[in-house]
Amino acid sequence: MNVKTIPIFLFLILSLILGCTGTRPSYLGVKSERLADCPATPNCISSFAEPTDKEHYRAAVPYKKNLKDAFAILKLKLEQSPRTKIIQENPNYIYTEFTSRLMRYVDDVEFYFDEKNKLLHFRSASRLGKSDLGVNRSRIEFILKDLEI
């Protein structure tokens, strides 16, 4: 590689890395007391998927504390997670972006406190690609593990 091709090479590498972030989806959020459905691809997990859909489903988590305390506990755990940015929060909803270390892939992760049923619902999905090698499911399991809400 000569001196003239180094800037071109660096530009291509930078474009590849920055290009993995994708565009923030416009369909996120709570609509009709639900989070968006998972796409058909295996890179998503949701408490709103059908229980028979073993690829996408994971049961919602009951919470016993009052909403304000449960929300604060979850938010603290998210804030302590590496490469995590809280994008939006409402009294019963948190939307975060998780960014992978190497390729800078972004996953959209939402949490919804269903006050009526005292359940914490969630959805975690990759913005790009088809497979995530189980990253979204592992992330949700890690966040929910030992979560005393």
N, C-alpha and C. Protein backbone atom coordinates (compact mmCIF):
# COMPACT_ATOMS: atom_id res chain seq x y z
N MET A 1 0.86 -1.17 0.00
CA MET A 1 0.00 0.00 0.00
C MET A 1 0.90 1.22 0.00
N ASN A 2 0.65 2.11 -0.95
CA ASN A 2 1.48 3.31 -1.00
C ASN A 2 0.80 4.46 -0.26
N VAL A 3 1.50 5.54 -0.12
CA VAL A 3 1.03 6.69 0.66
C VAL A 3 -0.27 7.26 0.09
N LYS A 4 -0.44 7.23 -1.22
CA LYS A 4 -1.64 7.80 -1.83
C LYS A 4 -2.89 6.95 -1.57
N THR A 5 -2.74 5.66 -1.37
CA THR A 5 -3.92 4.81 -1.17
C THR A 5 -4.33 4.70 0.30
N ILE A 6 -3.48 5.13 1.21
CA ILE A 6 -3.82 5.05 2.64
C ILE A 6 -5.08 5.86 2.97
N PRO A 7 -5.21 7.13 2.53
CA PRO A 7 -6.44 7.86 2.85
C PRO A 7 -7.70 7.19 2.28
N ILE A 8 -7.61 6.62 1.11
CA ILE A 8 -8.75 5.94 0.50
C ILE A 8 -9.10 4.70 1.33
N PHE A 9 -8.09 3.95 1.74
CA PHE A 9 -8.30 2.77 2.56
C PHE A 9 -8.94 3.15 3.90
N LEU A 10 -8.44 4.17 4.54
CA LEU A 10 -9.00 4.63 5.81
C LEU A 10 -10.44 5.11 5.65
N PHE A 11 -10.73 5.81 4.56
CA PHE A 11 -12.08 6.26 4.29
C PHE A 11 -13.03 5.07 4.13
N LEU A 12 -12.60 4.03 3.42
CA LEU A 12 -13.44 2.85 3.22
C LEU A 12 -13.69 2.12 4.54
N ILE A 13 -12.66 1.99 5.36
CA ILE A 13 -12.82 1.34 6.66
C ILE A 13 -13.77 2.15 7.54
N LEU A 14 -13.58 3.46 7.58
CA LEU A 14 -14.44 4.33 8.39
C LEU A 14 -15.89 4.27 7.90
N SER A 15 -16.07 4.26 6.60
CA SER A 15 -17.42 4.16 6.03
C SER A 15 -18.08 2.84 6.41
N LEU A 16 -17.30 1.77 6.39
CA LEU A 16 -17.83 0.47 6.76
C LEU A 16 -18.27 0.47 8.22
N ILE A 17 -17.44 1.00 9.08
CA ILE A 17 -17.75 1.01 10.51
C ILE A 17 -18.95 1.90 10.79
N LEU A 18 -18.97 3.09 10.26
CA LEU A 18 -20.07 4.01 10.52
C LEU A 18 -21.35 3.56 9.82
N GLY A 19 -21.21 2.83 8.74
CA GLY A 19 -22.37 2.36 8.00
C GLY A 19 -23.14 1.27 8.72
N CYS A 20 -22.58 0.69 9.77
CA CYS A 20 -23.22 -0.40 10.50
C CYS A 20 -24.25 0.10 11.51
N THR A 21 -24.34 1.39 11.68
CA THR A 21 -25.27 1.90 12.68
C THR A 21 -26.71 1.86 12.20
N GLY A 22 -26.94 2.00 10.92
CA GLY A 22 -28.30 2.00 10.40
C GLY A 22 -29.05 3.26 10.81
N THR A 23 -30.30 3.33 10.42
CA THR A 23 -31.15 4.48 10.73
C THR A 23 -32.10 4.11 11.86
N ARG A 24 -32.30 5.02 12.78
CA ARG A 24 -33.21 4.79 13.91
C ARG A 24 -34.62 4.56 13.37
N PRO A 25 -35.24 3.44 13.74
CA PRO A 25 -36.60 3.14 13.26
C PRO A 25 -37.63 4.15 13.75
N SER A 26 -38.62 4.41 12.95
CA SER A 26 -39.68 5.36 13.32
C SER A 26 -40.87 4.68 13.98
N TYR A 27 -40.90 3.35 13.95
CA TYR A 27 -42.06 2.62 14.45
C TYR A 27 -41.93 2.18 15.91
N LEU A 28 -40.87 2.60 16.58
CA LEU A 28 -40.68 2.18 17.97
C LEU A 28 -41.61 2.95 18.90
N GLY A 29 -41.76 2.44 20.11
CA GLY A 29 -42.60 3.07 21.11
C GLY A 29 -43.80 2.20 21.44
N VAL A 30 -44.59 2.65 22.39
CA VAL A 30 -45.78 1.93 22.83
C VAL A 30 -46.97 2.41 22.02
N LYS A 31 -47.60 1.47 21.34
CA LYS A 31 -48.80 1.78 20.55
C LYS A 31 -49.85 0.74 20.90
N SER A 32 -51.01 1.20 21.34
CA SER A 32 -52.09 0.31 21.77
C SER A 32 -51.60 -0.66 22.85
N GLU A 33 -50.81 -0.14 23.79
CA GLU A 33 -50.28 -0.90 24.92
C GLU A 33 -49.40 -2.07 24.50
N ARG A 34 -48.70 -1.92 23.37
CA ARG A 34 -47.80 -2.96 22.85
C ARG A 34 -46.57 -2.31 22.25
N LEU A 35 -45.49 -3.08 22.22
CA LEU A 35 -44.30 -2.70 21.47
C LEU A 35 -44.41 -3.32 20.08
N ALA A 36 -43.63 -2.85 19.14
CA ALA A 36 -43.68 -3.35 17.76
C ALA A 36 -43.38 -4.85 17.71
N ASP A 37 -43.93 -5.50 16.71
CA ASP A 37 -43.65 -6.92 16.49
C ASP A 37 -42.22 -7.10 16.04
N CYS A 38 -41.69 -8.28 16.26
CA CYS A 38 -40.37 -8.63 15.74
C CYS A 38 -40.48 -8.89 14.24
N PRO A 39 -39.42 -8.60 13.51
CA PRO A 39 -39.41 -8.99 12.10
C PRO A 39 -39.27 -10.52 12.01
N ALA A 40 -39.36 -11.06 10.82
CA ALA A 40 -39.24 -12.50 10.63
C ALA A 40 -37.82 -13.00 10.87
N THR A 41 -36.85 -12.11 10.84
CA THR A 41 -35.46 -12.50 11.03
C THR A 41 -35.22 -12.91 12.49
N PRO A 42 -34.20 -13.74 12.74
CA PRO A 42 -33.97 -14.25 14.10
C PRO A 42 -33.25 -13.28 15.05
N ASN A 43 -33.02 -12.05 14.62
CA ASN A 43 -32.25 -11.11 15.44
C ASN A 43 -33.12 -10.20 16.31
N CYS A 44 -34.15 -10.77 16.91
CA CYS A 44 -35.08 -10.00 17.74
C CYS A 44 -35.65 -10.89 18.82
N ILE A 45 -35.93 -10.30 19.97
CA ILE A 45 -36.61 -10.99 21.06
C ILE A 45 -37.64 -10.02 21.63
N SER A 46 -38.82 -10.55 21.97
CA SER A 46 -39.88 -9.69 22.48
C SER A 46 -40.82 -10.47 23.39
N SER A 47 -41.29 -9.79 24.41
CA SER A 47 -42.28 -10.40 25.29
C SER A 47 -43.67 -10.38 24.64
N PHE A 48 -43.80 -9.67 23.54
CA PHE A 48 -45.08 -9.63 22.83
C PHE A 48 -45.17 -10.65 21.69
N ALA A 49 -44.09 -11.37 21.42
CA ALA A 49 -44.14 -12.43 20.40
C ALA A 49 -45.04 -13.54 20.93
N GLU A 50 -45.53 -14.36 20.04
CA GLU A 50 -46.36 -15.50 20.44
C GLU A 50 -45.52 -16.49 21.24
N PRO A 51 -46.03 -17.02 22.33
CA PRO A 51 -45.27 -17.99 23.13
C PRO A 51 -44.82 -19.22 22.34
N THR A 52 -45.53 -19.55 21.28
CA THR A 52 -45.12 -20.69 20.45
C THR A 52 -43.93 -20.34 19.55
N ASP A 53 -43.62 -19.07 19.42
CA ASP A 53 -42.49 -18.60 18.60
C ASP A 53 -41.22 -18.61 19.45
N LYS A 54 -40.61 -19.79 19.55
CA LYS A 54 -39.44 -19.98 20.42
C LYS A 54 -38.25 -19.11 20.02
N GLU A 55 -38.19 -18.72 18.76
CA GLU A 55 -37.08 -17.91 18.28
C GLU A 55 -37.15 -16.47 18.82
N HIS A 56 -38.35 -15.93 18.93
CA HIS A 56 -38.51 -14.52 19.30
C HIS A 56 -39.08 -14.29 20.70
N TYR A 57 -39.74 -15.27 21.27
CA TYR A 57 -40.47 -15.05 22.53
C TYR A 57 -39.61 -15.24 23.77
N ARG A 58 -39.88 -14.39 24.73
CA ARG A 58 -39.40 -14.53 26.11
C ARG A 58 -40.46 -13.86 26.96
N ALA A 59 -40.88 -14.53 28.01
CA ALA A 59 -41.98 -14.02 28.85
C ALA A 59 -41.64 -12.68 29.50
N ALA A 60 -42.65 -11.85 29.63
CA ALA A 60 -42.50 -10.59 30.36
C ALA A 60 -42.20 -10.90 31.82
N VAL A 61 -41.70 -9.90 32.52
CA VAL A 61 -41.30 -10.09 33.92
C VAL A 61 -42.27 -9.36 34.83
N PRO A 62 -42.87 -10.08 35.80
CA PRO A 62 -43.74 -9.38 36.75
C PRO A 62 -42.89 -8.47 37.64
N TYR A 63 -43.46 -7.35 38.03
CA TYR A 63 -42.76 -6.49 38.99
C TYR A 63 -43.67 -6.22 40.17
N LYS A 64 -43.06 -6.15 41.36
CA LYS A 64 -43.80 -6.00 42.60
C LYS A 64 -43.70 -4.60 43.17
N LYS A 65 -42.61 -3.92 42.87
CA LYS A 65 -42.41 -2.57 43.40
C LYS A 65 -43.36 -1.59 42.71
N ASN A 66 -43.44 -0.40 43.26
CA ASN A 66 -44.24 0.61 42.56
C ASN A 66 -43.50 1.00 41.28
N LEU A 67 -44.22 1.56 40.36
CA LEU A 67 -43.67 1.87 39.03
C LEU A 67 -42.43 2.74 39.11
N LYS A 68 -42.45 3.76 39.92
CA LYS A 68 -41.32 4.69 40.01
C LYS A 68 -40.04 3.98 40.46
N ASP A 69 -40.15 3.11 41.47
CA ASP A 69 -38.98 2.39 41.97
C ASP A 69 -38.50 1.35 40.97
N ALA A 70 -39.43 0.59 40.38
CA ALA A 70 -39.06 -0.42 39.38
C ALA A 70 -38.36 0.23 38.19
N PHE A 71 -38.90 1.37 37.76
CA PHE A 71 -38.32 2.12 36.64
C PHE A 71 -36.90 2.55 36.97
N ALA A 72 -36.70 3.08 38.17
CA ALA A 72 -35.37 3.56 38.59
C ALA A 72 -34.35 2.42 38.64
N ILE A 73 -34.77 1.25 39.10
CA ILE A 73 -33.86 0.10 39.17
C ILE A 73 -33.44 -0.33 37.76
N LEU A 74 -34.40 -0.43 36.85
CA LEU A 74 -34.09 -0.81 35.47
C LEU A 74 -33.19 0.25 34.82
N LYS A 75 -33.52 1.50 34.98
CA LYS A 75 -32.74 2.58 34.37
C LYS A 75 -31.29 2.54 34.85
N LEU A 76 -31.08 2.31 36.14
CA LEU A 76 -29.73 2.24 36.68
C LEU A 76 -28.95 1.09 36.05
N LYS A 77 -29.60 -0.06 35.90
CA LYS A 77 -28.92 -1.21 35.29
C LYS A 77 -28.55 -0.89 33.84
N LEU A 78 -29.44 -0.21 33.13
CA LEU A 78 -29.14 0.16 31.74
C LEU A 78 -27.99 1.16 31.68
N GLU A 79 -27.99 2.12 32.57
CA GLU A 79 -26.92 3.13 32.60
C GLU A 79 -25.56 2.51 32.90
N GLN A 80 -25.56 1.40 33.60
CA GLN A 80 -24.31 0.72 33.94
C GLN A 80 -23.85 -0.24 32.85
N SER A 81 -24.67 -0.44 31.84
CA SER A 81 -24.32 -1.35 30.74
C SER A 81 -23.38 -0.64 29.77
N PRO A 82 -22.36 -1.33 29.29
CA PRO A 82 -21.42 -0.70 28.36
C PRO A 82 -22.05 -0.39 27.00
N ARG A 83 -21.60 0.68 26.39
CA ARG A 83 -22.00 1.09 25.04
C ARG A 83 -23.51 1.21 24.91
N THR A 84 -24.13 1.78 25.93
CA THR A 84 -25.59 1.94 25.98
C THR A 84 -25.93 3.41 26.07
N LYS A 85 -26.92 3.81 25.30
CA LYS A 85 -27.37 5.20 25.32
C LYS A 85 -28.89 5.21 25.46
N ILE A 86 -29.38 5.87 26.51
CA ILE A 86 -30.82 6.00 26.66
C ILE A 86 -31.27 7.13 25.73
N ILE A 87 -32.18 6.81 24.83
CA ILE A 87 -32.64 7.75 23.81
C ILE A 87 -33.91 8.45 24.26
N GLN A 88 -34.81 7.69 24.86
CA GLN A 88 -36.11 8.26 25.25
C GLN A 88 -36.60 7.56 26.51
N GLU A 89 -37.22 8.33 27.37
CA GLU A 89 -37.87 7.73 28.54
C GLU A 89 -39.13 8.51 28.87
N ASN A 90 -40.14 7.78 29.24
CA ASN A 90 -41.41 8.30 29.72
C ASN A 90 -41.64 7.63 31.07
N PRO A 91 -42.66 7.95 31.80
CA PRO A 91 -42.85 7.32 33.11
C PRO A 91 -42.92 5.79 33.10
N ASN A 92 -43.34 5.20 31.96
CA ASN A 92 -43.43 3.74 31.93
C ASN A 92 -42.71 3.12 30.71
N TYR A 93 -41.77 3.85 30.12
CA TYR A 93 -41.11 3.39 28.88
C TYR A 93 -39.67 3.88 28.83
N ILE A 94 -38.77 2.99 28.41
CA ILE A 94 -37.37 3.36 28.17
C ILE A 94 -36.96 2.79 26.83
N TYR A 95 -36.36 3.63 26.00
CA TYR A 95 -35.80 3.20 24.71
C TYR A 95 -34.31 3.46 24.74
N THR A 96 -33.52 2.42 24.48
CA THR A 96 -32.07 2.53 24.50
C THR A 96 -31.48 1.99 23.20
N GLU A 97 -30.29 2.45 22.92
CA GLU A 97 -29.50 1.91 21.82
C GLU A 97 -28.25 1.26 22.41
N PHE A 98 -28.00 0.03 22.02
CA PHE A 98 -26.79 -0.69 22.40
C PHE A 98 -25.92 -0.78 21.15
N THR A 99 -24.65 -0.47 21.28
CA THR A 99 -23.73 -0.48 20.15
C THR A 99 -22.66 -1.54 20.37
N SER A 100 -22.46 -2.39 19.38
CA SER A 100 -21.44 -3.44 19.50
C SER A 100 -20.05 -2.82 19.49
N ARG A 101 -19.12 -3.49 20.13
CA ARG A 101 -17.78 -2.96 20.31
C ARG A 101 -17.01 -2.84 18.99
N LEU A 102 -16.96 -3.89 18.24
CA LEU A 102 -16.08 -3.91 17.08
C LEU A 102 -16.68 -3.25 15.84
N MET A 103 -17.80 -3.74 15.37
CA MET A 103 -18.36 -3.25 14.11
C MET A 103 -19.34 -2.09 14.30
N ARG A 104 -19.63 -1.76 15.56
CA ARG A 104 -20.52 -0.62 15.87
C ARG A 104 -21.96 -0.83 15.39
N TYR A 105 -22.40 -2.10 15.36
CA TYR A 105 -23.80 -2.38 15.05
C TYR A 105 -24.68 -1.83 16.17
N VAL A 106 -25.84 -1.32 15.82
CA VAL A 106 -26.74 -0.75 16.82
C VAL A 106 -27.98 -1.64 16.92
N ASP A 107 -28.34 -1.94 18.17
CA ASP A 107 -29.57 -2.66 18.47
C ASP A 107 -30.51 -1.72 19.21
N ASP A 108 -31.77 -1.78 18.88
CA ASP A 108 -32.80 -0.96 19.53
C ASP A 108 -33.46 -1.81 20.60
N VAL A 109 -33.44 -1.30 21.84
CA VAL A 109 -33.96 -2.06 22.97
C VAL A 109 -34.97 -1.19 23.72
N GLU A 110 -36.17 -1.74 23.88
CA GLU A 110 -37.26 -1.01 24.53
C GLU A 110 -37.78 -1.79 25.73
N PHE A 111 -38.22 -1.03 26.74
CA PHE A 111 -38.84 -1.60 27.93
C PHE A 111 -40.13 -0.84 28.20
N TYR A 112 -41.18 -1.59 28.48
CA TYR A 112 -42.49 -0.99 28.73
C TYR A 112 -43.08 -1.59 30.00
N PHE A 113 -43.34 -0.74 30.98
CA PHE A 113 -43.98 -1.17 32.21
C PHE A 113 -45.49 -1.12 32.03
N ASP A 114 -46.12 -2.30 31.97
CA ASP A 114 -47.57 -2.42 31.85
C ASP A 114 -48.13 -2.33 33.27
N GLU A 115 -48.60 -1.15 33.64
CA GLU A 115 -49.07 -0.90 35.01
C GLU A 115 -50.31 -1.72 35.35
N LYS A 116 -51.18 -1.92 34.37
CA LYS A 116 -52.43 -2.64 34.60
C LYS A 116 -52.16 -4.08 35.04
N ASN A 117 -51.21 -4.73 34.39
CA ASN A 117 -50.91 -6.13 34.67
C ASN A 117 -49.63 -6.32 35.49
N LYS A 118 -48.96 -5.21 35.85
CA LYS A 118 -47.71 -5.25 36.62
C LYS A 118 -46.67 -6.15 35.95
N LEU A 119 -46.47 -5.93 34.63
CA LEU A 119 -45.50 -6.69 33.86
C LEU A 119 -44.51 -5.74 33.17
N LEU A 120 -43.24 -6.14 33.16
CA LEU A 120 -42.23 -5.42 32.39
C LEU A 120 -42.09 -6.14 31.06
N HIS A 121 -42.50 -5.46 29.99
CA HIS A 121 -42.35 -5.99 28.63
C HIS A 121 -41.09 -5.41 28.01
N PHE A 122 -40.62 -6.05 26.95
CA PHE A 122 -39.39 -5.61 26.30
C PHE A 122 -39.37 -6.06 24.85
N ARG A 123 -38.51 -5.41 24.11
CA ARG A 123 -38.24 -5.78 22.72
C ARG A 123 -36.80 -5.38 22.45
N SER A 124 -36.00 -6.28 21.91
CA SER A 124 -34.62 -6.00 21.56
C SER A 124 -34.38 -6.53 20.16
N ALA A 125 -33.96 -5.65 19.24
CA ALA A 125 -33.82 -6.06 17.84
C ALA A 125 -32.63 -5.37 17.19
N SER A 126 -31.96 -6.10 16.32
CA SER A 126 -30.87 -5.53 15.52
C SER A 126 -31.46 -4.65 14.42
N ARG A 127 -30.80 -3.56 14.14
CA ARG A 127 -31.25 -2.69 13.03
C ARG A 127 -30.90 -3.27 11.68
N LEU A 128 -29.76 -3.90 11.61
CA LEU A 128 -29.26 -4.40 10.33
C LEU A 128 -29.00 -5.89 10.40
N GLY A 129 -28.95 -6.52 9.24
CA GLY A 129 -28.57 -7.92 9.16
C GLY A 129 -29.72 -8.87 9.42
N LYS A 130 -29.36 -10.13 9.46
CA LYS A 130 -30.36 -11.17 9.63
C LYS A 130 -30.15 -11.91 10.95
N SER A 131 -28.94 -12.33 11.19
CA SER A 131 -28.65 -13.07 12.42
C SER A 131 -27.82 -12.21 13.35
N ASP A 132 -28.03 -12.40 14.64
CA ASP A 132 -27.22 -11.69 15.63
C ASP A 132 -26.47 -12.66 16.53
N LEU A 133 -26.53 -13.95 16.17
CA LEU A 133 -25.88 -15.01 16.94
C LEU A 133 -26.35 -15.04 18.39
N GLY A 134 -27.60 -14.65 18.62
CA GLY A 134 -28.18 -14.70 19.95
C GLY A 134 -27.87 -13.53 20.85
N VAL A 135 -27.29 -12.47 20.30
CA VAL A 135 -26.88 -11.33 21.12
C VAL A 135 -28.07 -10.65 21.80
N ASN A 136 -29.15 -10.42 21.08
CA ASN A 136 -30.30 -9.73 21.67
C ASN A 136 -30.92 -10.55 22.81
N ARG A 137 -31.06 -11.85 22.62
CA ARG A 137 -31.60 -12.70 23.69
C ARG A 137 -30.66 -12.70 24.90
N SER A 138 -29.38 -12.83 24.66
CA SER A 138 -28.41 -12.83 25.77
C SER A 138 -28.45 -11.51 26.52
N ARG A 139 -28.58 -10.42 25.80
CA ARG A 139 -28.63 -9.10 26.44
C ARG A 139 -29.84 -8.98 27.35
N ILE A 140 -31.01 -9.38 26.83
CA ILE A 140 -32.23 -9.30 27.64
C ILE A 140 -32.09 -10.19 28.88
N GLU A 141 -31.58 -11.40 28.70
CA GLU A 141 -31.40 -12.30 29.85
C GLU A 141 -30.46 -11.68 30.88
N PHE A 142 -29.39 -11.04 30.43
CA PHE A 142 -28.45 -10.40 31.34
C PHE A 142 -29.11 -9.24 32.10
N ILE A 143 -29.84 -8.42 31.38
CA ILE A 143 -30.50 -7.27 32.03
C ILE A 143 -31.54 -7.72 33.04
N LEU A 144 -32.30 -8.75 32.70
CA LEU A 144 -33.36 -9.21 33.58
C LEU A 144 -32.86 -10.06 34.74
N LYS A 145 -31.65 -10.63 34.59
CA LYS A 145 -31.10 -11.48 35.65
C LYS A 145 -30.90 -10.67 36.92
N ASP A 146 -31.40 -11.19 37.99
CA ASP A 146 -31.27 -10.57 39.32
C ASP A 146 -31.87 -9.16 39.40
N LEU A 147 -32.73 -8.82 38.47
CA LEU A 147 -33.39 -7.52 38.49
C LEU A 147 -34.51 -7.58 39.53
N GLU A 148 -34.33 -6.91 40.62
CA GLU A 148 -35.31 -6.96 41.72
C GLU A 148 -36.27 -5.79 41.60
N ILE A 149 -37.28 -6.01 40.79
CA ILE A 149 -38.27 -4.96 40.60
C ILE A 149 -39.58 -5.43 41.16
